[in-house]
Amino acid sequence: RLPLLQAAGKKNSFNLIVLTEAELKETFVRGDGPGGQATNKTNNCVVLKHIPSGIVVKCHQTRSVEQNRKIAREILQEKVDVFYKGEDSDVFKEKKASEKKKQEKKRRAKENLERKKHFKEMQQLDKK
């Protein structure tokens, strides 16, 4: 079973819970990771907290504060939706469907590998 908050991060969700700015606490901090001076000297990392649920999102995907604010809000909205709706959330359903697809693809790849292995063994036997 998937942890519920891990399901957030999918973009094709429609009826998400609407967040109001009054419920959010936003701070800007210095980012970390690769990027050297451009990263270490600018406060363009957005930390967004949803006060009622206590969910915190940190976004430092771009160098632009505005883009990071937008992305952080999208991610937070999806996480809050999953937090309140649980398995009824579109985000959760979508994530579960993609996991199922991935497992099916892995299973088919494994079957093909077994078929190829079996075919090679049969060829070896025919040569003898």
N, C-alpha and C. Protein backbone atom coordinates (compact mmCIF):
# COMPACT_ATOMS: atom_id res chain seq x y z
N ARG A 1 0.83 -1.20 0.00
CA ARG A 1 0.00 0.00 0.00
C ARG A 1 0.87 1.25 0.00
N LEU A 2 0.47 2.23 -0.77
CA LEU A 2 1.23 3.49 -0.88
C LEU A 2 0.97 4.40 0.30
N PRO A 3 2.01 5.02 0.83
CA PRO A 3 1.73 6.08 1.81
C PRO A 3 0.96 7.19 1.09
N LEU A 4 -0.08 7.69 1.73
CA LEU A 4 -0.98 8.62 1.05
C LEU A 4 -0.30 9.87 0.52
N LEU A 5 0.57 10.47 1.32
CA LEU A 5 1.16 11.74 0.88
C LEU A 5 2.16 11.56 -0.25
N GLN A 6 2.66 10.35 -0.46
CA GLN A 6 3.56 10.11 -1.58
C GLN A 6 2.83 10.17 -2.91
N ALA A 7 1.53 10.02 -2.88
CA ALA A 7 0.76 10.00 -4.12
C ALA A 7 0.70 11.36 -4.79
N ALA A 8 0.92 12.43 -4.06
CA ALA A 8 0.85 13.76 -4.66
C ALA A 8 2.00 13.96 -5.63
N GLY A 9 1.81 14.88 -6.56
CA GLY A 9 2.85 15.15 -7.54
C GLY A 9 2.38 14.86 -8.95
N LYS A 10 1.14 14.46 -9.13
CA LYS A 10 0.58 14.21 -10.45
C LYS A 10 -0.18 15.43 -10.92
N LYS A 11 -0.10 15.72 -12.23
CA LYS A 11 -0.64 16.98 -12.75
C LYS A 11 -2.06 16.88 -13.33
N ASN A 12 -2.58 15.69 -13.60
CA ASN A 12 -3.84 15.59 -14.32
C ASN A 12 -5.07 15.54 -13.42
N SER A 13 -4.98 16.07 -12.23
CA SER A 13 -6.10 16.01 -11.29
C SER A 13 -6.99 17.24 -11.47
N PHE A 14 -8.29 17.03 -11.31
CA PHE A 14 -9.22 18.12 -11.60
C PHE A 14 -9.82 18.73 -10.34
N ASN A 15 -10.65 17.99 -9.62
CA ASN A 15 -11.41 18.58 -8.51
C ASN A 15 -10.64 18.49 -7.19
N LEU A 16 -9.60 19.29 -7.09
CA LEU A 16 -8.78 19.33 -5.88
C LEU A 16 -9.40 20.29 -4.88
N ILE A 17 -9.06 20.10 -3.62
CA ILE A 17 -9.50 21.02 -2.57
C ILE A 17 -8.87 22.39 -2.83
N VAL A 18 -9.67 23.44 -2.70
CA VAL A 18 -9.17 24.80 -2.94
C VAL A 18 -8.51 25.33 -1.66
N LEU A 19 -7.31 25.87 -1.81
CA LEU A 19 -6.59 26.45 -0.68
C LEU A 19 -6.75 27.96 -0.70
N THR A 20 -6.94 28.54 0.46
CA THR A 20 -6.98 30.01 0.54
C THR A 20 -5.64 30.51 1.08
N GLU A 21 -5.29 31.71 0.70
CA GLU A 21 -4.01 32.27 1.14
C GLU A 21 -3.94 32.41 2.66
N ALA A 22 -5.10 32.55 3.32
CA ALA A 22 -5.13 32.69 4.79
C ALA A 22 -4.67 31.41 5.48
N GLU A 23 -4.84 30.27 4.80
CA GLU A 23 -4.43 28.98 5.38
C GLU A 23 -2.95 28.69 5.18
N LEU A 24 -2.26 29.53 4.39
CA LEU A 24 -0.88 29.25 4.03
C LEU A 24 0.10 30.17 4.75
N LYS A 25 1.25 29.61 5.08
CA LYS A 25 2.34 30.41 5.63
C LYS A 25 3.52 30.20 4.68
N GLU A 26 3.99 31.30 4.12
CA GLU A 26 5.03 31.21 3.10
C GLU A 26 6.32 31.88 3.58
N THR A 27 7.43 31.18 3.40
CA THR A 27 8.74 31.76 3.73
C THR A 27 9.69 31.48 2.58
N PHE A 28 10.70 32.32 2.48
CA PHE A 28 11.72 32.16 1.44
C PHE A 28 13.05 31.91 2.13
N VAL A 29 13.73 30.86 1.72
CA VAL A 29 15.01 30.51 2.32
C VAL A 29 16.04 30.30 1.22
N ARG A 30 17.27 30.19 1.61
CA ARG A 30 18.32 29.89 0.64
C ARG A 30 18.20 28.44 0.24
N GLY A 31 18.34 28.23 -1.05
CA GLY A 31 18.29 26.86 -1.54
C GLY A 31 19.57 26.12 -1.22
N ASP A 32 19.56 24.82 -1.48
CA ASP A 32 20.78 24.04 -1.29
C ASP A 32 20.96 23.14 -2.51
N GLY A 33 22.06 22.46 -2.54
CA GLY A 33 22.34 21.57 -3.65
C GLY A 33 23.27 22.21 -4.66
N PRO A 34 23.40 21.60 -5.85
CA PRO A 34 24.32 22.11 -6.85
C PRO A 34 23.87 23.48 -7.37
N GLY A 35 24.83 24.26 -7.87
CA GLY A 35 24.49 25.56 -8.40
C GLY A 35 25.40 26.65 -7.90
N GLY A 36 26.19 26.35 -6.90
CA GLY A 36 27.20 27.28 -6.41
C GLY A 36 26.62 28.59 -5.92
N GLN A 37 27.28 29.69 -6.31
CA GLN A 37 26.92 31.01 -5.81
C GLN A 37 25.49 31.39 -6.16
N ALA A 38 25.03 31.01 -7.36
CA ALA A 38 23.67 31.35 -7.78
C ALA A 38 22.64 30.75 -6.82
N THR A 39 22.96 29.62 -6.27
CA THR A 39 22.04 28.94 -5.34
C THR A 39 22.24 29.42 -3.92
N ASN A 40 23.47 29.53 -3.51
CA ASN A 40 23.78 29.75 -2.10
C ASN A 40 23.58 31.18 -1.60
N LYS A 41 23.45 32.15 -2.51
CA LYS A 41 23.34 33.54 -2.07
C LYS A 41 21.98 34.17 -2.34
N THR A 42 21.04 33.39 -2.87
CA THR A 42 19.72 33.96 -3.16
C THR A 42 18.63 33.20 -2.41
N ASN A 43 17.66 33.94 -1.88
CA ASN A 43 16.54 33.32 -1.16
C ASN A 43 15.41 33.01 -2.13
N ASN A 44 15.62 32.06 -3.02
CA ASN A 44 14.58 31.75 -3.99
C ASN A 44 13.95 30.38 -3.77
N CYS A 45 14.22 29.76 -2.65
CA CYS A 45 13.59 28.50 -2.29
C CYS A 45 12.33 28.83 -1.47
N VAL A 46 11.19 28.29 -1.89
CA VAL A 46 9.92 28.60 -1.24
C VAL A 46 9.54 27.47 -0.29
N VAL A 47 9.25 27.83 0.96
CA VAL A 47 8.73 26.86 1.93
C VAL A 47 7.29 27.28 2.23
N LEU A 48 6.37 26.39 1.92
CA LEU A 48 4.95 26.68 2.05
C LEU A 48 4.33 25.71 3.03
N LYS A 49 3.63 26.25 4.04
CA LYS A 49 3.00 25.40 5.05
C LYS A 49 1.49 25.61 5.03
N HIS A 50 0.75 24.50 5.02
CA HIS A 50 -0.70 24.55 5.14
C HIS A 50 -1.01 24.42 6.63
N ILE A 51 -1.42 25.51 7.24
CA ILE A 51 -1.56 25.59 8.70
C ILE A 51 -2.56 24.57 9.27
N PRO A 52 -3.78 24.42 8.69
CA PRO A 52 -4.72 23.46 9.29
C PRO A 52 -4.22 22.01 9.33
N SER A 53 -3.54 21.55 8.27
CA SER A 53 -3.09 20.16 8.23
C SER A 53 -1.65 19.98 8.69
N GLY A 54 -0.87 21.07 8.67
CA GLY A 54 0.53 20.99 9.08
C GLY A 54 1.45 20.48 7.98
N ILE A 55 0.96 20.34 6.76
CA ILE A 55 1.77 19.83 5.65
C ILE A 55 2.71 20.95 5.16
N VAL A 56 3.98 20.61 4.99
CA VAL A 56 4.98 21.57 4.54
C VAL A 56 5.56 21.11 3.21
N VAL A 57 5.69 22.06 2.27
CA VAL A 57 6.28 21.77 0.96
C VAL A 57 7.44 22.73 0.75
N LYS A 58 8.57 22.20 0.29
CA LYS A 58 9.73 23.03 -0.01
C LYS A 58 9.99 22.90 -1.51
N CYS A 59 10.04 24.03 -2.21
CA CYS A 59 10.21 23.99 -3.66
C CYS A 59 11.37 24.88 -4.09
N HIS A 60 12.33 24.25 -4.76
CA HIS A 60 13.48 24.98 -5.29
C HIS A 60 13.83 24.38 -6.66
N GLN A 61 12.80 24.25 -7.51
CA GLN A 61 13.00 23.61 -8.82
C GLN A 61 13.59 24.56 -9.85
N THR A 62 13.33 25.88 -9.69
CA THR A 62 13.84 26.84 -10.66
C THR A 62 14.57 27.97 -9.91
N ARG A 63 15.19 28.87 -10.66
CA ARG A 63 15.86 30.01 -10.04
C ARG A 63 14.88 31.16 -9.80
N SER A 64 13.68 31.04 -10.37
CA SER A 64 12.68 32.10 -10.24
C SER A 64 11.81 31.88 -9.00
N VAL A 65 11.71 32.91 -8.17
CA VAL A 65 10.88 32.82 -6.97
C VAL A 65 9.41 32.64 -7.35
N GLU A 66 8.96 33.37 -8.37
CA GLU A 66 7.55 33.30 -8.79
C GLU A 66 7.18 31.90 -9.28
N GLN A 67 8.05 31.31 -10.08
CA GLN A 67 7.78 29.96 -10.57
C GLN A 67 7.77 28.96 -9.41
N ASN A 68 8.72 29.11 -8.49
CA ASN A 68 8.78 28.22 -7.33
C ASN A 68 7.53 28.36 -6.46
N ARG A 69 7.03 29.59 -6.32
CA ARG A 69 5.79 29.82 -5.54
C ARG A 69 4.62 29.09 -6.19
N LYS A 70 4.53 29.19 -7.51
CA LYS A 70 3.43 28.55 -8.25
C LYS A 70 3.52 27.02 -8.12
N ILE A 71 4.70 26.48 -8.33
CA ILE A 71 4.90 25.03 -8.25
C ILE A 71 4.62 24.53 -6.84
N ALA A 72 5.09 25.27 -5.83
CA ALA A 72 4.87 24.88 -4.43
C ALA A 72 3.38 24.82 -4.12
N ARG A 73 2.62 25.78 -4.62
CA ARG A 73 1.18 25.80 -4.37
C ARG A 73 0.49 24.60 -5.03
N GLU A 74 0.91 24.26 -6.25
CA GLU A 74 0.32 23.11 -6.94
C GLU A 74 0.60 21.82 -6.17
N ILE A 75 1.84 21.64 -5.75
CA ILE A 75 2.22 20.43 -5.01
C ILE A 75 1.47 20.36 -3.68
N LEU A 76 1.43 21.50 -2.98
CA LEU A 76 0.75 21.54 -1.69
C LEU A 76 -0.74 21.23 -1.85
N GLN A 77 -1.35 21.78 -2.88
CA GLN A 77 -2.78 21.55 -3.11
C GLN A 77 -3.05 20.06 -3.32
N GLU A 78 -2.18 19.39 -4.07
CA GLU A 78 -2.35 17.96 -4.30
C GLU A 78 -2.14 17.16 -3.01
N LYS A 79 -1.14 17.54 -2.22
CA LYS A 79 -0.88 16.83 -0.97
C LYS A 79 -2.02 17.01 0.02
N VAL A 80 -2.56 18.23 0.11
CA VAL A 80 -3.68 18.49 1.01
C VAL A 80 -4.91 17.71 0.55
N ASP A 81 -5.13 17.64 -0.76
CA ASP A 81 -6.25 16.89 -1.31
C ASP A 81 -6.16 15.41 -0.90
N VAL A 82 -4.98 14.83 -1.03
CA VAL A 82 -4.78 13.44 -0.65
C VAL A 82 -4.93 13.27 0.86
N PHE A 83 -4.45 14.26 1.62
CA PHE A 83 -4.52 14.22 3.08
C PHE A 83 -5.98 14.14 3.56
N TYR A 84 -6.84 14.97 2.96
CA TYR A 84 -8.24 15.02 3.41
C TYR A 84 -9.14 13.97 2.76
N LYS A 85 -8.92 13.68 1.48
CA LYS A 85 -9.79 12.73 0.79
C LYS A 85 -9.28 11.29 0.86
N GLY A 86 -8.01 11.13 1.13
CA GLY A 86 -7.44 9.78 1.21
C GLY A 86 -7.51 9.05 -0.11
N GLU A 87 -7.99 7.82 -0.09
CA GLU A 87 -8.04 6.99 -1.29
C GLU A 87 -9.11 7.45 -2.28
N ASP A 88 -9.98 8.37 -1.89
CA ASP A 88 -10.99 8.90 -2.80
C ASP A 88 -10.43 10.03 -3.66
N SER A 89 -9.23 10.48 -3.37
CA SER A 89 -8.62 11.58 -4.11
C SER A 89 -8.23 11.14 -5.52
N ASP A 90 -8.48 12.02 -6.50
CA ASP A 90 -8.09 11.73 -7.89
C ASP A 90 -6.58 11.54 -8.00
N VAL A 91 -5.83 12.32 -7.23
CA VAL A 91 -4.37 12.23 -7.25
C VAL A 91 -3.94 10.82 -6.85
N PHE A 92 -4.55 10.30 -5.78
CA PHE A 92 -4.22 8.97 -5.28
C PHE A 92 -4.59 7.90 -6.29
N LYS A 93 -5.78 8.04 -6.89
CA LYS A 93 -6.24 7.05 -7.87
C LYS A 93 -5.31 7.01 -9.08
N GLU A 94 -4.90 8.19 -9.51
CA GLU A 94 -4.01 8.29 -10.67
C GLU A 94 -2.66 7.65 -10.39
N LYS A 95 -2.13 7.92 -9.21
CA LYS A 95 -0.85 7.35 -8.81
C LYS A 95 -0.94 5.81 -8.75
N LYS A 96 -2.03 5.32 -8.19
CA LYS A 96 -2.24 3.88 -8.06
C LYS A 96 -2.32 3.23 -9.45
N ALA A 97 -3.03 3.90 -10.38
CA ALA A 97 -3.16 3.37 -11.73
C ALA A 97 -1.81 3.33 -12.44
N SER A 98 -1.00 4.37 -12.24
CA SER A 98 0.32 4.38 -12.89
C SER A 98 1.24 3.32 -12.29
N GLU A 99 1.10 3.07 -10.98
CA GLU A 99 1.88 2.00 -10.34
C GLU A 99 1.50 0.64 -10.92
N LYS A 100 0.20 0.44 -11.12
CA LYS A 100 -0.29 -0.82 -11.67
C LYS A 100 0.26 -1.03 -13.09
N LYS A 101 0.24 0.05 -13.88
CA LYS A 101 0.76 0.01 -15.24
C LYS A 101 2.24 -0.37 -15.24
N LYS A 102 2.98 0.25 -14.32
CA LYS A 102 4.42 0.01 -14.20
C LYS A 102 4.70 -1.46 -13.85
N GLN A 103 3.92 -2.00 -12.91
CA GLN A 103 4.10 -3.39 -12.51
C GLN A 103 3.78 -4.33 -13.66
N GLU A 104 2.76 -4.01 -14.43
CA GLU A 104 2.38 -4.84 -15.59
C GLU A 104 3.49 -4.83 -16.64
N LYS A 105 4.08 -3.66 -16.85
CA LYS A 105 5.18 -3.53 -17.82
C LYS A 105 6.38 -4.36 -17.37
N LYS A 106 6.69 -4.31 -16.06
CA LYS A 106 7.79 -5.11 -15.51
C LYS A 106 7.53 -6.60 -15.69
N ARG A 107 6.27 -7.00 -15.43
CA ARG A 107 5.91 -8.41 -15.54
C ARG A 107 6.09 -8.91 -16.98
N ARG A 108 5.63 -8.09 -17.95
CA ARG A 108 5.77 -8.46 -19.36
C ARG A 108 7.23 -8.55 -19.77
N ALA A 109 8.05 -7.61 -19.29
CA ALA A 109 9.47 -7.63 -19.62
C ALA A 109 10.13 -8.89 -19.08
N LYS A 110 9.74 -9.29 -17.87
CA LYS A 110 10.29 -10.50 -17.26
C LYS A 110 9.89 -11.74 -18.06
N GLU A 111 8.63 -11.78 -18.49
CA GLU A 111 8.15 -12.90 -19.30
C GLU A 111 8.92 -13.00 -20.61
N ASN A 112 9.15 -11.86 -21.25
CA ASN A 112 9.90 -11.84 -22.51
C ASN A 112 11.31 -12.35 -22.31
N LEU A 113 11.93 -11.95 -21.21
CA LEU A 113 13.29 -12.39 -20.90
C LEU A 113 13.32 -13.90 -20.72
N GLU A 114 12.33 -14.43 -20.02
CA GLU A 114 12.24 -15.89 -19.82
C GLU A 114 12.06 -16.60 -21.15
N ARG A 115 11.20 -16.06 -22.03
CA ARG A 115 10.98 -16.65 -23.35
C ARG A 115 12.27 -16.69 -24.16
N LYS A 116 13.01 -15.56 -24.15
CA LYS A 116 14.27 -15.50 -24.89
C LYS A 116 15.27 -16.52 -24.36
N LYS A 117 15.33 -16.62 -23.02
CA LYS A 117 16.24 -17.55 -22.38
C LYS A 117 15.89 -18.99 -22.79
N HIS A 118 14.61 -19.29 -22.76
CA HIS A 118 14.13 -20.62 -23.12
C HIS A 118 14.45 -20.90 -24.59
N PHE A 119 14.25 -19.90 -25.46
CA PHE A 119 14.53 -20.04 -26.89
C PHE A 119 16.01 -20.35 -27.13
N LYS A 120 16.89 -19.62 -26.43
CA LYS A 120 18.33 -19.86 -26.58
C LYS A 120 18.71 -21.27 -26.12
N GLU A 121 18.10 -21.72 -25.04
CA GLU A 121 18.38 -23.07 -24.55
C GLU A 121 17.96 -24.11 -25.57
N MET A 122 16.81 -23.89 -26.22
CA MET A 122 16.33 -24.81 -27.23
C MET A 122 17.28 -24.83 -28.44
N GLN A 123 17.80 -23.64 -28.79
CA GLN A 123 18.76 -23.58 -29.90
C GLN A 123 20.03 -24.36 -29.59
N GLN A 124 20.50 -24.23 -28.34
CA GLN A 124 21.70 -24.96 -27.91
C GLN A 124 21.48 -26.47 -28.01
N LEU A 125 20.29 -26.92 -27.61
CA LEU A 125 19.99 -28.35 -27.67
C LEU A 125 19.91 -28.85 -29.11
N ASP A 126 19.37 -28.00 -30.01
CA ASP A 126 19.26 -28.40 -31.42
C ASP A 126 20.62 -28.54 -32.06
N LYS A 127 21.60 -27.72 -31.65
CA LYS A 127 22.94 -27.76 -32.22
C LYS A 127 23.68 -29.05 -31.83
N LYS A 128 23.33 -29.61 -30.68
CA LYS A 128 24.03 -30.82 -30.23
C LYS A 128 23.55 -32.03 -30.90
